[in-house]
Amino acid sequence: MSVAVDRLRAPGLAMAGKTITRADLCEAVYQKVGLSRTESATLVELVLKEITDCLERGETVKLSSFGSFVVRKKGQRIGRNPKTGKEVPISPRRVMVFKPSAILKQRINSETDGGDK
């Protein structure tokens, strides 16, 4: 996690389930890169839109040292309503999965106090 985003957190919240929002990312870009707040927000939105557009087209998005977003097709299948036990068809659909890189996995598992190494 970047130093700019870390500054936005209260101490000791790394493992407490703090959620980083778009606004937090925009603020981190603003502090780290030196763009205006408006330009930082625009940059973050453009990156997220490009990722979204690629995934909509069924493309894999691979971010080196971070991970890959992959769209998979799931065929039609029969499911079961848990309340009634009745079988219901589940229509075919596409799902997105995230596969973290080995580097990201290592960084997540090497943290001892929740801070960056």
N, C-alpha and C. Protein backbone atom coordinates (compact mmCIF):
# COMPACT_ATOMS: atom_id res chain seq x y z
N MET A 1 0.85 -1.17 0.00
CA MET A 1 0.00 0.00 0.00
C MET A 1 0.89 1.23 0.00
N SER A 2 0.50 2.25 -0.68
CA SER A 2 1.33 3.44 -0.79
C SER A 2 1.37 4.21 0.52
N VAL A 3 2.39 5.01 0.64
CA VAL A 3 2.55 5.84 1.84
C VAL A 3 1.38 6.80 1.96
N ALA A 4 0.93 7.35 0.82
CA ALA A 4 -0.18 8.31 0.85
C ALA A 4 -1.46 7.68 1.40
N VAL A 5 -1.75 6.44 0.98
CA VAL A 5 -2.95 5.77 1.49
C VAL A 5 -2.75 5.42 2.96
N ASP A 6 -1.52 5.01 3.34
CA ASP A 6 -1.25 4.69 4.74
C ASP A 6 -1.50 5.89 5.64
N ARG A 7 -1.20 7.10 5.16
CA ARG A 7 -1.42 8.31 5.96
C ARG A 7 -2.90 8.54 6.22
N LEU A 8 -3.74 8.01 5.35
CA LEU A 8 -5.18 8.21 5.52
C LEU A 8 -5.77 7.29 6.57
N ARG A 9 -5.03 6.28 6.96
CA ARG A 9 -5.52 5.31 7.93
C ARG A 9 -5.18 5.74 9.34
N ALA A 10 -6.01 5.30 10.25
CA ALA A 10 -5.67 5.46 11.67
C ALA A 10 -4.69 4.36 12.03
N PRO A 11 -3.79 4.59 12.96
CA PRO A 11 -2.81 3.56 13.34
C PRO A 11 -3.52 2.29 13.81
N GLY A 12 -2.96 1.14 13.41
CA GLY A 12 -3.48 -0.13 13.88
C GLY A 12 -4.71 -0.65 13.14
N LEU A 13 -5.13 -0.01 12.06
CA LEU A 13 -6.33 -0.45 11.36
C LEU A 13 -6.04 -1.40 10.20
N ALA A 14 -4.79 -1.71 9.96
CA ALA A 14 -4.44 -2.51 8.79
C ALA A 14 -5.17 -3.85 8.76
N MET A 15 -5.32 -4.49 9.89
CA MET A 15 -5.98 -5.78 9.93
C MET A 15 -7.41 -5.68 10.43
N ALA A 16 -7.89 -4.45 10.65
CA ALA A 16 -9.22 -4.25 11.22
C ALA A 16 -10.30 -4.17 10.14
N GLY A 17 -9.96 -4.45 8.88
CA GLY A 17 -10.97 -4.45 7.84
C GLY A 17 -11.26 -3.08 7.25
N LYS A 18 -10.33 -2.14 7.32
CA LYS A 18 -10.53 -0.82 6.73
C LYS A 18 -10.68 -0.97 5.24
N THR A 19 -11.68 -0.32 4.70
CA THR A 19 -11.93 -0.37 3.27
C THR A 19 -11.39 0.90 2.62
N ILE A 20 -10.59 0.74 1.59
CA ILE A 20 -10.06 1.87 0.84
C ILE A 20 -11.06 2.20 -0.26
N THR A 21 -11.46 3.44 -0.35
CA THR A 21 -12.47 3.88 -1.31
C THR A 21 -11.82 4.57 -2.50
N ARG A 22 -12.63 4.89 -3.51
CA ARG A 22 -12.14 5.67 -4.64
C ARG A 22 -11.56 6.99 -4.17
N ALA A 23 -12.23 7.61 -3.23
CA ALA A 23 -11.75 8.90 -2.71
C ALA A 23 -10.37 8.73 -2.07
N ASP A 24 -10.16 7.62 -1.36
CA ASP A 24 -8.84 7.36 -0.77
C ASP A 24 -7.78 7.19 -1.85
N LEU A 25 -8.12 6.46 -2.91
CA LEU A 25 -7.18 6.28 -4.01
C LEU A 25 -6.86 7.61 -4.69
N CYS A 26 -7.88 8.43 -4.90
CA CYS A 26 -7.67 9.75 -5.52
C CYS A 26 -6.77 10.60 -4.64
N GLU A 27 -6.98 10.56 -3.34
CA GLU A 27 -6.16 11.33 -2.40
C GLU A 27 -4.72 10.84 -2.41
N ALA A 28 -4.53 9.51 -2.49
CA ALA A 28 -3.18 8.94 -2.55
C ALA A 28 -2.46 9.40 -3.81
N VAL A 29 -3.15 9.39 -4.96
CA VAL A 29 -2.55 9.86 -6.20
C VAL A 29 -2.22 11.34 -6.08
N TYR A 30 -3.12 12.11 -5.52
CA TYR A 30 -2.90 13.54 -5.33
C TYR A 30 -1.64 13.80 -4.51
N GLN A 31 -1.48 13.09 -3.39
CA GLN A 31 -0.33 13.30 -2.52
C GLN A 31 0.97 12.78 -3.11
N LYS A 32 0.89 11.64 -3.79
CA LYS A 32 2.10 10.98 -4.28
C LYS A 32 2.59 11.55 -5.61
N VAL A 33 1.68 11.83 -6.53
CA VAL A 33 2.07 12.23 -7.88
C VAL A 33 2.17 13.74 -8.03
N GLY A 34 1.35 14.46 -7.28
CA GLY A 34 1.43 15.91 -7.36
C GLY A 34 0.46 16.53 -8.36
N LEU A 35 -0.45 15.73 -8.89
CA LEU A 35 -1.50 16.29 -9.74
C LEU A 35 -2.50 17.03 -8.85
N SER A 36 -3.35 17.84 -9.45
CA SER A 36 -4.41 18.47 -8.67
C SER A 36 -5.39 17.39 -8.22
N ARG A 37 -6.23 17.72 -7.25
CA ARG A 37 -7.22 16.74 -6.78
C ARG A 37 -8.15 16.34 -7.93
N THR A 38 -8.54 17.30 -8.75
CA THR A 38 -9.42 17.00 -9.89
C THR A 38 -8.72 16.08 -10.89
N GLU A 39 -7.47 16.40 -11.20
CA GLU A 39 -6.72 15.56 -12.15
C GLU A 39 -6.49 14.17 -11.58
N SER A 40 -6.23 14.09 -10.28
CA SER A 40 -6.02 12.79 -9.63
C SER A 40 -7.28 11.94 -9.70
N ALA A 41 -8.43 12.57 -9.43
CA ALA A 41 -9.70 11.85 -9.50
C ALA A 41 -9.98 11.39 -10.92
N THR A 42 -9.69 12.25 -11.89
CA THR A 42 -9.89 11.90 -13.30
C THR A 42 -9.00 10.72 -13.69
N LEU A 43 -7.76 10.74 -13.26
CA LEU A 43 -6.82 9.66 -13.57
C LEU A 43 -7.30 8.33 -13.00
N VAL A 44 -7.71 8.33 -11.73
CA VAL A 44 -8.20 7.10 -11.10
C VAL A 44 -9.44 6.60 -11.85
N GLU A 45 -10.36 7.48 -12.17
CA GLU A 45 -11.58 7.08 -12.89
C GLU A 45 -11.25 6.52 -14.27
N LEU A 46 -10.29 7.12 -14.98
CA LEU A 46 -9.91 6.62 -16.30
C LEU A 46 -9.30 5.22 -16.22
N VAL A 47 -8.47 4.99 -15.23
CA VAL A 47 -7.86 3.66 -15.06
C VAL A 47 -8.94 2.62 -14.75
N LEU A 48 -9.84 2.95 -13.83
CA LEU A 48 -10.91 2.00 -13.49
C LEU A 48 -11.85 1.76 -14.66
N LYS A 49 -12.13 2.80 -15.45
CA LYS A 49 -13.00 2.64 -16.62
C LYS A 49 -12.34 1.75 -17.66
N GLU A 50 -11.05 1.92 -17.87
CA GLU A 50 -10.34 1.08 -18.85
C GLU A 50 -10.35 -0.38 -18.43
N ILE A 51 -10.12 -0.64 -17.15
CA ILE A 51 -10.17 -2.01 -16.63
C ILE A 51 -11.57 -2.58 -16.83
N THR A 52 -12.60 -1.80 -16.48
CA THR A 52 -13.99 -2.24 -16.63
C THR A 52 -14.33 -2.53 -18.08
N ASP A 53 -13.94 -1.63 -18.99
CA ASP A 53 -14.23 -1.82 -20.42
C ASP A 53 -13.59 -3.10 -20.94
N CYS A 54 -12.35 -3.36 -20.55
CA CYS A 54 -11.67 -4.59 -20.98
C CYS A 54 -12.39 -5.83 -20.47
N LEU A 55 -12.80 -5.80 -19.21
CA LEU A 55 -13.51 -6.95 -18.63
C LEU A 55 -14.86 -7.15 -19.30
N GLU A 56 -15.56 -6.06 -19.64
CA GLU A 56 -16.84 -6.18 -20.35
C GLU A 56 -16.67 -6.89 -21.69
N ARG A 57 -15.53 -6.65 -22.35
CA ARG A 57 -15.25 -7.30 -23.63
C ARG A 57 -14.75 -8.73 -23.46
N GLY A 58 -14.61 -9.18 -22.21
CA GLY A 58 -14.16 -10.54 -21.95
C GLY A 58 -12.66 -10.70 -21.94
N GLU A 59 -11.93 -9.59 -21.92
CA GLU A 59 -10.47 -9.64 -21.92
C GLU A 59 -9.95 -9.85 -20.51
N THR A 60 -8.77 -10.46 -20.40
CA THR A 60 -8.09 -10.61 -19.12
C THR A 60 -7.26 -9.35 -18.88
N VAL A 61 -7.31 -8.84 -17.68
CA VAL A 61 -6.51 -7.67 -17.32
C VAL A 61 -5.42 -8.15 -16.36
N LYS A 62 -4.17 -8.07 -16.83
CA LYS A 62 -3.04 -8.53 -16.02
C LYS A 62 -2.22 -7.32 -15.61
N LEU A 63 -2.09 -7.12 -14.30
CA LEU A 63 -1.29 -6.03 -13.76
C LEU A 63 -0.07 -6.67 -13.10
N SER A 64 1.08 -6.50 -13.71
CA SER A 64 2.31 -7.11 -13.25
C SER A 64 2.56 -6.80 -11.77
N SER A 65 2.98 -7.79 -11.03
CA SER A 65 3.27 -7.72 -9.60
C SER A 65 2.02 -7.47 -8.74
N PHE A 66 0.84 -7.49 -9.36
CA PHE A 66 -0.40 -7.28 -8.61
C PHE A 66 -1.32 -8.49 -8.77
N GLY A 67 -1.73 -8.76 -10.02
CA GLY A 67 -2.59 -9.90 -10.27
C GLY A 67 -3.35 -9.76 -11.56
N SER A 68 -4.28 -10.69 -11.79
CA SER A 68 -5.06 -10.70 -13.02
C SER A 68 -6.54 -10.76 -12.70
N PHE A 69 -7.31 -10.00 -13.47
CA PHE A 69 -8.76 -10.07 -13.44
C PHE A 69 -9.16 -10.88 -14.66
N VAL A 70 -9.88 -11.97 -14.45
CA VAL A 70 -10.23 -12.88 -15.53
C VAL A 70 -11.74 -13.04 -15.57
N VAL A 71 -12.32 -13.00 -16.78
CA VAL A 71 -13.75 -13.24 -16.97
C VAL A 71 -13.92 -14.69 -17.39
N ARG A 72 -14.77 -15.41 -16.67
CA ARG A 72 -15.04 -16.81 -16.99
C ARG A 72 -16.52 -16.97 -17.34
N LYS A 73 -16.78 -17.90 -18.24
CA LYS A 73 -18.17 -18.21 -18.61
C LYS A 73 -18.63 -19.42 -17.80
N LYS A 74 -19.81 -19.30 -17.21
CA LYS A 74 -20.42 -20.42 -16.49
C LYS A 74 -21.66 -20.84 -17.27
N GLY A 75 -21.76 -22.12 -17.49
CA GLY A 75 -22.90 -22.64 -18.23
C GLY A 75 -24.14 -22.74 -17.36
N GLN A 76 -25.26 -23.03 -18.01
CA GLN A 76 -26.51 -23.22 -17.28
C GLN A 76 -26.40 -24.47 -16.42
N ARG A 77 -27.01 -24.41 -15.25
CA ARG A 77 -27.00 -25.56 -14.36
C ARG A 77 -28.26 -25.54 -13.50
N ILE A 78 -28.47 -26.61 -12.82
CA ILE A 78 -29.62 -26.72 -11.93
C ILE A 78 -29.14 -26.43 -10.51
N GLY A 79 -29.83 -25.50 -9.86
CA GLY A 79 -29.54 -25.17 -8.47
C GLY A 79 -30.72 -25.57 -7.60
N ARG A 80 -30.59 -25.33 -6.33
CA ARG A 80 -31.66 -25.69 -5.42
C ARG A 80 -31.95 -24.50 -4.51
N ASN A 81 -33.24 -24.13 -4.40
CA ASN A 81 -33.66 -23.08 -3.50
C ASN A 81 -33.46 -23.59 -2.07
N PRO A 82 -32.63 -22.90 -1.28
CA PRO A 82 -32.35 -23.42 0.06
C PRO A 82 -33.57 -23.40 1.00
N LYS A 83 -34.52 -22.51 0.77
CA LYS A 83 -35.70 -22.46 1.63
C LYS A 83 -36.68 -23.58 1.32
N THR A 84 -36.94 -23.78 0.02
CA THR A 84 -37.97 -24.75 -0.36
C THR A 84 -37.40 -26.10 -0.78
N GLY A 85 -36.13 -26.13 -1.15
CA GLY A 85 -35.54 -27.37 -1.65
C GLY A 85 -35.88 -27.63 -3.11
N LYS A 86 -36.66 -26.74 -3.72
CA LYS A 86 -37.08 -26.93 -5.11
C LYS A 86 -35.92 -26.63 -6.06
N GLU A 87 -35.80 -27.48 -7.09
CA GLU A 87 -34.77 -27.27 -8.10
C GLU A 87 -35.16 -26.11 -9.01
N VAL A 88 -34.17 -25.26 -9.31
CA VAL A 88 -34.41 -24.13 -10.20
C VAL A 88 -33.24 -24.01 -11.17
N PRO A 89 -33.52 -23.65 -12.42
CA PRO A 89 -32.42 -23.48 -13.38
C PRO A 89 -31.66 -22.18 -13.10
N ILE A 90 -30.35 -22.26 -13.18
CA ILE A 90 -29.50 -21.07 -13.07
C ILE A 90 -28.98 -20.79 -14.47
N SER A 91 -29.29 -19.62 -14.98
CA SER A 91 -28.96 -19.29 -16.37
C SER A 91 -27.45 -19.10 -16.55
N PRO A 92 -26.98 -19.28 -17.78
CA PRO A 92 -25.55 -19.07 -18.04
C PRO A 92 -25.19 -17.61 -17.80
N ARG A 93 -23.96 -17.40 -17.36
CA ARG A 93 -23.53 -16.04 -17.08
C ARG A 93 -22.01 -15.98 -17.10
N ARG A 94 -21.51 -14.75 -17.04
CA ARG A 94 -20.07 -14.54 -16.93
C ARG A 94 -19.77 -14.06 -15.52
N VAL A 95 -18.67 -14.53 -14.98
CA VAL A 95 -18.23 -14.10 -13.66
C VAL A 95 -16.79 -13.60 -13.76
N MET A 96 -16.44 -12.70 -12.87
CA MET A 96 -15.09 -12.19 -12.85
C MET A 96 -14.38 -12.73 -11.61
N VAL A 97 -13.15 -13.17 -11.80
CA VAL A 97 -12.35 -13.64 -10.67
C VAL A 97 -11.04 -12.86 -10.67
N PHE A 98 -10.48 -12.71 -9.48
CA PHE A 98 -9.18 -12.07 -9.33
C PHE A 98 -8.18 -13.11 -8.88
N LYS A 99 -7.06 -13.19 -9.60
CA LYS A 99 -6.00 -14.11 -9.23
C LYS A 99 -4.78 -13.27 -8.85
N PRO A 100 -4.45 -13.20 -7.56
CA PRO A 100 -3.31 -12.39 -7.14
C PRO A 100 -2.00 -12.98 -7.64
N SER A 101 -1.03 -12.09 -7.90
CA SER A 101 0.29 -12.55 -8.33
C SER A 101 1.03 -13.16 -7.14
N ALA A 102 2.07 -13.91 -7.44
CA ALA A 102 2.89 -14.51 -6.38
C ALA A 102 3.53 -13.41 -5.54
N ILE A 103 3.90 -12.31 -6.17
CA ILE A 103 4.52 -11.20 -5.46
C ILE A 103 3.53 -10.59 -4.47
N LEU A 104 2.28 -10.39 -4.89
CA LEU A 104 1.26 -9.83 -4.00
C LEU A 104 0.98 -10.79 -2.85
N LYS A 105 0.88 -12.07 -3.14
CA LYS A 105 0.66 -13.07 -2.09
C LYS A 105 1.78 -13.02 -1.05
N GLN A 106 3.01 -12.93 -1.54
CA GLN A 106 4.16 -12.88 -0.65
C GLN A 106 4.12 -11.63 0.22
N ARG A 107 3.80 -10.48 -0.38
CA ARG A 107 3.74 -9.23 0.39
C ARG A 107 2.65 -9.29 1.46
N ILE A 108 1.51 -9.85 1.10
CA ILE A 108 0.41 -9.96 2.07
C ILE A 108 0.80 -10.87 3.23
N ASN A 109 1.45 -11.97 2.92
CA ASN A 109 1.80 -12.93 3.95
C ASN A 109 3.07 -12.59 4.72
N SER A 110 3.85 -11.62 4.25
CA SER A 110 5.09 -11.27 4.96
C SER A 110 4.88 -10.13 5.94
N GLU A 111 3.68 -9.50 5.93
CA GLU A 111 3.42 -8.41 6.86
C GLU A 111 3.29 -8.99 8.27
N THR A 112 4.02 -8.39 9.21
CA THR A 112 3.96 -8.86 10.58
C THR A 112 3.16 -7.93 11.46
N ASP A 113 3.22 -6.63 11.16
CA ASP A 113 2.51 -5.67 12.00
C ASP A 113 1.47 -4.88 11.23
N GLY A 114 1.19 -5.29 9.99
CA GLY A 114 0.20 -4.60 9.19
C GLY A 114 0.76 -3.44 8.39
N GLY A 115 2.02 -3.13 8.54
CA GLY A 115 2.62 -2.02 7.80
C GLY A 115 3.41 -2.51 6.62
N ASP A 116 3.87 -1.59 5.79
CA ASP A 116 4.69 -1.94 4.65
C ASP A 116 6.09 -2.31 5.12
N LYS A 117 6.70 -3.20 4.37
CA LYS A 117 8.08 -3.59 4.68
C LYS A 117 9.04 -2.66 3.99
